[in-house]
Amino acid sequence: MTRLGEHGVPDEVWEPAAKAFTEEELANLLVAIATINVWNRLSIAARNQPPTEV
């Protein structure tokens, strides 16, 4: 979902996901992916470095 082609998500990617998840689960998955993508882009733009220790 973070690298969409001109026509969106290809059927060969979407169809297995649609079989594995309910519509509500797909919606939640899309929101989770979008949220992670936004945080990653903000972190990159702010030049944040990952922690050296966990």
Protein backbone atom coordinates (compact mmCIF):
# COMPACT_ATOMS: atom_id res chain seq x y z
CA MET A 1 0.00 0.00 0.00
CA THR A 2 2.92 2.36 0.48
CA ARG A 3 4.10 1.94 -3.13
CA LEU A 4 1.01 2.03 -5.31
CA GLY A 5 1.10 1.64 -9.04
CA GLU A 6 -0.88 3.78 -11.44
CA HIS A 7 -3.98 1.62 -10.93
CA GLY A 8 -3.75 1.00 -7.19
CA VAL A 9 -3.18 -2.34 -5.52
CA PRO A 10 -2.95 -5.15 -8.09
CA ASP A 11 -5.67 -7.82 -7.97
CA GLU A 12 -3.08 -10.54 -7.31
CA VAL A 13 -2.18 -8.72 -4.08
CA TRP A 14 -5.67 -7.61 -3.04
CA GLU A 15 -7.57 -10.85 -3.64
CA PRO A 16 -5.60 -13.07 -1.22
CA ALA A 17 -5.85 -10.36 1.45
CA ALA A 18 -9.61 -10.06 0.89
CA LYS A 19 -9.94 -13.84 1.33
CA ALA A 20 -7.85 -13.86 4.52
CA PHE A 21 -9.48 -10.86 6.26
CA THR A 22 -12.99 -9.54 6.80
CA GLU A 23 -13.87 -6.09 5.44
CA GLU A 24 -13.43 -4.61 8.92
CA GLU A 25 -10.06 -6.32 9.36
CA LEU A 26 -8.93 -5.07 5.94
CA ALA A 27 -9.96 -1.54 6.88
CA ASN A 28 -8.04 -1.80 10.17
CA LEU A 29 -5.02 -3.17 8.34
CA LEU A 30 -5.09 -0.31 5.83
CA VAL A 31 -5.30 2.26 8.64
CA ALA A 32 -2.39 0.58 10.48
CA ILE A 33 -0.26 0.57 7.31
CA ALA A 34 -1.09 4.20 6.58
CA THR A 35 -0.29 5.23 10.17
CA ILE A 36 3.08 3.46 10.14
CA ASN A 37 3.86 5.02 6.76
CA VAL A 38 3.10 8.53 8.07
CA TRP A 39 5.28 8.06 11.17
CA ASN A 40 8.14 6.72 9.04
CA ARG A 41 7.91 9.66 6.64
CA LEU A 42 7.80 12.19 9.51
CA SER A 43 10.79 10.55 11.14
CA ILE A 44 12.77 10.64 7.90
CA ALA A 45 11.82 14.27 7.25
CA ALA A 46 12.88 15.23 10.79
CA ARG A 47 16.15 13.30 10.32
CA ASN A 48 15.54 11.20 13.44
CA GLN A 49 18.02 8.40 14.00
CA PRO A 50 16.93 5.02 15.34
CA PRO A 51 17.95 4.35 18.94
CA THR A 52 21.35 2.70 19.37
CA GLU A 53 20.07 0.65 22.34
CA VAL A 54 16.73 -1.00 22.85
